């Protein structure tokens, strides 16, 4: 009787130990599965961020060029090693979502490798780098790292890069970049009373400044107020300033050119001679 009882207890203990082992194995598997899913989600998030920041017809550069193939391989291997049949039912939807996200980024970066690079790629990179810096500076406000003058210089440089992109690749899609740049362009024009080279009216503005400069040289050289060339230069400058205003954005107000033009006009006005007749 005692032997039978002992045997029964041993069997029960063995069954209990087996169940405990199964539970531990299941717990470990669940833990590893959660860790694997978390690591894949982290890798996919990094890939999706790079995808979002990728520029059309501009090859991946810097860290992204190294990170993308490594992360794609990591996720591919993890997905291949997972067996959906062994996974709990509540993780099946997550598994399918990970597969779809992986396929999406895989296809995107495969196409990116085949993409023809724009001849303006270096200027496109610089343009978007400047936009990011300007937007970050606008959020934090002026600081030692980005003073007001430094911001204005960067805005000018950004416009120059837009012009370079247009020169080297006339068909490059710039609409999104120009929309982001517009508030910064307005900031520059209001502060400097001067149009950026990519804005309507900028060419007329430059020609007006040219003729004002010629007029100033003639005045400095001592030409008389009735000098024909001086009046011709001022007339041309006046017409160009007017045309520039008509073409430019509404916030353009070149008061400094108006003042200079008025100053030169005053010079050309011959004062009336006082009467010297005897009374």
Protein backbone atom coordinates (compact mmCIF):
# COMPACT_ATOMS: atom_id res chain seq x y z
CA UNK A 1 0.00 0.00 0.00
CA UNK A 2 2.79 2.36 0.92
CA UNK A 3 4.65 1.50 -2.28
CA UNK A 4 1.57 2.25 -4.37
CA UNK A 5 1.10 5.57 -2.61
CA UNK A 6 4.74 6.47 -3.17
CA UNK A 7 4.45 5.60 -6.85
CA UNK A 8 1.32 7.74 -7.17
CA UNK A 9 3.01 10.71 -5.51
CA UNK A 10 6.05 10.34 -7.76
CA UNK A 11 3.84 10.35 -10.84
CA UNK A 12 2.00 13.45 -9.62
CA UNK A 13 5.26 15.18 -8.88
CA UNK A 14 6.59 14.29 -12.33
CA UNK A 15 3.43 15.62 -14.00
CA UNK A 16 3.63 18.82 -11.95
CA UNK A 17 7.30 19.25 -12.82
CA UNK A 18 6.53 18.68 -16.49
CA UNK A 19 3.75 21.28 -16.41
CA UNK A 20 6.05 23.73 -14.66
CA UNK A 21 8.71 23.17 -17.33
CA UNK A 22 6.13 23.70 -20.06
CA UNK A 23 4.94 26.90 -18.38
CA UNK A 24 8.51 28.17 -18.04
CA UNK A 25 9.23 27.38 -21.69
CA UNK A 26 6.02 29.12 -22.75
CA UNK A 27 6.89 32.14 -20.61
CA UNK A 28 10.41 32.31 -22.05
CA UNK A 29 9.06 32.01 -25.61
CA UNK A 30 6.51 34.75 -24.95
CA UNK A 31 9.22 36.95 -23.48
CA UNK A 32 11.57 36.37 -26.46
CA UNK A 33 8.70 36.97 -28.87
CA UNK A 34 7.85 40.30 -27.24
CA UNK A 35 11.51 41.33 -27.34
CA UNK A 36 11.74 40.34 -31.01
CA UNK A 37 8.60 42.27 -31.91
CA UNK A 38 9.81 45.33 -29.99
CA UNK A 39 13.20 45.25 -31.74
CA UNK A 40 11.55 44.90 -35.17
CA UNK A 41 9.18 47.79 -34.46
CA UNK A 42 12.14 49.94 -33.46
CA UNK A 43 14.04 49.05 -36.65
CA UNK A 44 11.01 49.64 -38.85
CA UNK A 45 10.34 53.00 -37.19
CA UNK A 46 13.93 54.05 -37.98
CA UNK A 47 13.54 52.92 -41.59
CA UNK A 48 10.22 54.73 -41.94
CA UNK A 49 11.75 57.93 -40.59
CA UNK A 50 14.54 57.73 -43.17
CA UNK A 51 11.93 57.05 -45.84
CA UNK A 52 9.95 60.11 -44.79
CA UNK A 53 13.02 62.34 -44.88
CA UNK A 54 14.33 60.97 -48.19
CA UNK A 55 14.46 63.55 -51.00
CA UNK A 56 13.34 62.79 -54.56
CA UNK A 57 16.22 61.92 -56.89
CA UNK A 58 18.78 62.48 -54.14
CA UNK A 59 20.72 59.35 -53.08
CA UNK A 60 20.78 58.42 -49.42
CA UNK A 61 23.83 59.80 -47.70
CA UNK A 62 25.66 59.77 -44.41
CA UNK A 63 24.44 57.40 -41.70
CA UNK A 64 21.27 56.49 -43.63
CA UNK A 65 23.27 54.81 -46.38
CA UNK A 66 24.76 52.40 -43.82
CA UNK A 67 21.73 52.01 -41.56
CA UNK A 68 19.16 51.07 -44.21
CA UNK A 69 20.69 47.79 -45.48
CA UNK A 70 21.57 46.65 -41.95
CA UNK A 71 18.10 47.32 -40.56
CA UNK A 72 16.36 45.74 -43.56
CA UNK A 73 18.44 42.59 -43.13
CA UNK A 74 17.75 42.52 -39.39
CA UNK A 75 13.97 42.68 -39.85
CA UNK A 76 14.03 40.19 -42.74
CA UNK A 77 15.90 37.60 -40.66
CA UNK A 78 13.64 38.10 -37.63
CA UNK A 79 10.49 37.68 -39.72
CA UNK A 80 11.86 34.56 -41.38
CA UNK A 81 12.67 32.97 -38.02
CA UNK A 82 9.19 33.54 -36.59
CA UNK A 83 6.63 30.74 -36.96
CA UNK A 84 3.08 32.13 -36.91
CA UNK A 85 1.70 28.68 -35.99
CA UNK A 86 3.59 28.78 -32.70
CA UNK A 87 2.62 32.34 -31.88
CA UNK A 88 -0.32 33.23 -29.61
CA UNK A 89 -3.40 34.30 -31.55
CA UNK A 90 -3.33 37.79 -30.10
CA UNK A 91 0.04 38.43 -31.81
CA UNK A 92 -1.01 37.33 -35.32
CA UNK A 93 -2.31 40.80 -36.26
CA UNK A 94 0.92 42.38 -35.03
CA UNK A 95 2.97 39.89 -37.04
CA UNK A 96 1.00 40.65 -40.24
CA UNK A 97 1.40 44.39 -39.64
CA UNK A 98 5.17 44.00 -39.26
CA UNK A 99 5.33 42.05 -42.53
CA UNK A 100 3.38 44.75 -44.38
CA UNK A 101 5.54 47.54 -42.98
CA UNK A 102 8.68 45.64 -43.91
CA UNK A 103 7.48 45.06 -47.47
CA UNK A 104 6.62 48.75 -47.81
CA UNK A 105 10.05 50.04 -46.77
CA UNK A 106 11.83 47.24 -48.67
CA UNK A 107 10.13 48.23 -51.93
CA UNK A 108 10.73 51.93 -51.30
CA UNK A 109 14.46 51.55 -50.72
CA UNK A 110 14.82 49.10 -53.61
CA UNK A 111 13.30 51.72 -55.91
CA UNK A 112 15.44 54.40 -54.30
CA UNK A 113 18.56 52.49 -55.34
CA UNK A 114 17.37 52.51 -58.97
CA UNK A 115 16.42 56.19 -58.92
CA UNK A 116 18.29 58.53 -61.28
CA UNK A 117 20.13 61.15 -59.24
CA UNK A 118 19.35 64.79 -59.95
CA UNK A 119 22.26 66.89 -61.28
CA UNK A 120 21.22 69.42 -58.61
CA UNK A 121 21.40 66.95 -55.72
CA UNK A 122 24.04 68.87 -53.72
CA UNK A 123 21.96 72.05 -53.84
CA UNK A 124 18.80 70.13 -52.92
CA UNK A 125 20.54 68.72 -49.83
CA UNK A 126 21.74 72.18 -48.79
CA UNK A 127 18.28 73.65 -49.38
CA UNK A 128 16.55 71.17 -47.08
CA UNK A 129 19.29 71.35 -44.45
CA UNK A 130 18.82 75.13 -44.34
CA UNK A 131 15.04 74.78 -44.09
CA UNK A 132 15.38 72.45 -41.10
CA UNK A 133 17.77 74.87 -39.38
CA UNK A 134 15.53 77.86 -40.09
CA UNK A 135 12.44 76.07 -38.79
CA UNK A 136 14.25 74.94 -35.65
CA UNK A 137 15.57 78.46 -35.07
CA UNK A 138 12.10 79.95 -35.55
CA UNK A 139 10.73 77.65 -32.85
CA UNK A 140 13.43 78.42 -30.28
CA UNK A 141 13.92 82.11 -31.15
CA UNK A 142 17.12 84.01 -31.79
CA UNK A 143 20.13 82.78 -29.89
CA UNK A 144 23.90 82.88 -30.01
CA UNK A 145 23.87 79.90 -32.37
CA UNK A 146 21.44 81.64 -34.75
CA UNK A 147 21.35 85.41 -34.40
CA UNK A 148 18.96 87.52 -36.45
CA UNK A 149 21.71 88.44 -38.90
CA UNK A 150 22.75 84.79 -39.20
CA UNK A 151 19.13 83.84 -39.92
CA UNK A 152 18.86 86.46 -42.65
CA UNK A 153 22.10 85.25 -44.19
CA UNK A 154 20.83 81.66 -44.13
CA UNK A 155 17.55 82.74 -45.74
CA UNK A 156 19.53 84.43 -48.52
CA UNK A 157 21.64 81.28 -48.93
CA UNK A 158 18.50 79.13 -49.06
CA UNK A 159 17.09 81.26 -51.88
CA UNK A 160 20.43 80.94 -53.67
CA UNK A 161 20.21 77.17 -53.41
CA UNK A 162 16.66 77.22 -54.80
CA UNK A 163 18.00 79.19 -57.77
CA UNK A 164 20.86 76.71 -58.22
CA UNK A 165 18.45 73.77 -58.20
CA UNK A 166 16.34 75.48 -60.86
CA UNK A 167 19.46 76.17 -62.93
CA UNK A 168 20.77 72.60 -62.80
CA UNK A 169 17.45 70.70 -62.86
CA UNK A 170 14.55 72.81 -64.11
CA UNK A 171 12.04 69.98 -63.56
CA UNK A 172 12.98 69.22 -59.95
CA UNK A 173 9.86 69.27 -57.69
CA UNK A 174 10.25 72.26 -55.38
CA UNK A 175 6.66 73.12 -54.45
CA UNK A 176 6.81 71.67 -50.93
CA UNK A 177 10.17 73.33 -50.22
CA UNK A 178 8.96 76.70 -51.51
CA UNK A 179 5.84 76.54 -49.34
CA UNK A 180 8.01 75.90 -46.29
CA UNK A 181 10.40 78.68 -47.31
CA UNK A 182 7.78 81.40 -47.91
CA UNK A 183 7.47 82.68 -44.28
CA UNK A 184 11.26 82.93 -44.05
CA UNK A 185 11.41 84.77 -47.39
CA UNK A 186 8.87 87.28 -46.06
CA UNK A 187 10.98 87.75 -42.93
CA UNK A 188 14.02 88.58 -45.07
CA UNK A 189 12.20 90.97 -47.41
CA UNK A 190 10.58 92.90 -44.56
CA UNK A 191 13.88 93.18 -42.66
CA UNK A 192 16.09 94.03 -45.65
CA UNK A 193 13.55 95.85 -47.87
CA UNK A 194 15.05 93.76 -50.63
CA UNK A 195 13.68 90.88 -52.70
CA UNK A 196 15.39 87.51 -52.87
CA UNK A 197 16.61 86.51 -56.31
CA UNK A 198 13.93 83.82 -56.76
CA UNK A 199 11.02 86.23 -56.14
CA UNK A 200 8.98 88.07 -58.78
CA UNK A 201 10.26 91.61 -59.23
CA UNK A 202 13.81 90.81 -58.10
CA UNK A 203 15.30 91.39 -61.55
CA UNK A 204 13.61 94.78 -61.88
CA UNK A 205 14.79 95.67 -58.37
CA UNK A 206 18.40 94.90 -59.28
CA UNK A 207 18.18 97.01 -62.44
CA UNK A 208 16.66 99.88 -60.45
CA UNK A 209 19.55 99.71 -57.97
CA UNK A 210 21.96 99.73 -60.92
CA UNK A 211 20.53 102.96 -62.31
CA UNK A 212 20.38 104.56 -58.87
CA UNK A 213 24.06 103.68 -58.52
CA UNK A 214 24.87 105.34 -61.85
CA UNK A 215 22.93 108.43 -60.80
CA UNK A 216 24.81 108.61 -57.50
CA UNK A 217 28.17 108.43 -59.29
CA UNK A 218 27.23 111.32 -61.57
CA UNK A 219 26.14 113.43 -58.62
CA UNK A 220 29.37 112.60 -56.77
CA UNK A 221 31.29 113.64 -59.90
CA UNK A 222 29.62 117.05 -59.70
CA UNK A 223 27.35 117.04 -62.76
CA UNK A 224 24.89 119.95 -62.85
CA UNK A 225 21.28 119.38 -61.75
CA UNK A 226 20.00 119.62 -65.34
CA UNK A 227 22.37 116.84 -66.56
CA UNK A 228 20.45 114.83 -69.18
CA UNK A 229 22.00 111.45 -68.34
CA UNK A 230 21.30 111.91 -64.65
CA UNK A 231 17.64 112.57 -65.37
CA UNK A 232 17.56 109.59 -67.74
CA UNK A 233 18.97 107.27 -65.06
CA UNK A 234 16.46 108.50 -62.48
CA UNK A 235 13.56 108.04 -64.89
CA UNK A 236 14.62 104.46 -65.61
CA UNK A 237 15.09 103.73 -61.91
CA UNK A 238 11.63 105.12 -61.12
CA UNK A 239 9.99 102.94 -63.77
CA UNK A 240 11.81 99.82 -62.60
CA UNK A 241 10.93 100.42 -58.94
CA UNK A 242 7.28 100.74 -59.93
CA UNK A 243 7.42 97.56 -62.03
CA UNK A 244 9.19 95.68 -59.24
CA UNK A 245 6.46 96.67 -56.78
CA UNK A 246 3.74 95.47 -59.13
CA UNK A 247 5.36 92.04 -59.53
CA UNK A 248 6.59 91.50 -55.97
CA UNK A 249 4.68 90.05 -52.99
CA UNK A 250 2.48 92.52 -51.10
CA UNK A 251 4.89 92.69 -48.13
CA UNK A 252 7.65 94.21 -50.31
CA UNK A 253 8.12 97.88 -49.43
CA UNK A 254 11.51 99.29 -50.59
CA UNK A 255 11.39 102.57 -48.65
CA UNK A 256 15.17 102.95 -48.88
CA UNK A 257 15.01 103.05 -52.70
CA UNK A 258 12.11 105.51 -52.59
CA UNK A 259 14.10 107.77 -50.28
CA UNK A 260 17.21 107.55 -52.46
CA UNK A 261 15.19 108.33 -55.58
CA UNK A 262 13.57 111.33 -53.87
CA UNK A 263 16.97 112.58 -52.70
CA UNK A 264 18.36 112.45 -56.25
CA UNK A 265 15.24 114.13 -57.63
CA UNK A 266 15.71 116.99 -55.18
CA UNK A 267 19.23 117.41 -56.56
CA UNK A 268 17.89 117.88 -60.09
CA UNK A 269 15.51 120.65 -59.07
CA UNK A 270 17.15 123.99 -59.89
CA UNK A 271 16.26 126.52 -57.17
CA UNK A 272 14.71 129.77 -58.36
CA UNK A 273 17.11 132.71 -58.26
CA UNK A 274 16.21 135.43 -55.83
CA UNK A 275 15.21 138.70 -57.50
CA UNK A 276 18.09 141.22 -57.69
CA UNK A 277 16.11 144.11 -59.27
CA UNK A 278 16.35 147.41 -57.35
CA UNK A 279 13.27 148.51 -55.48
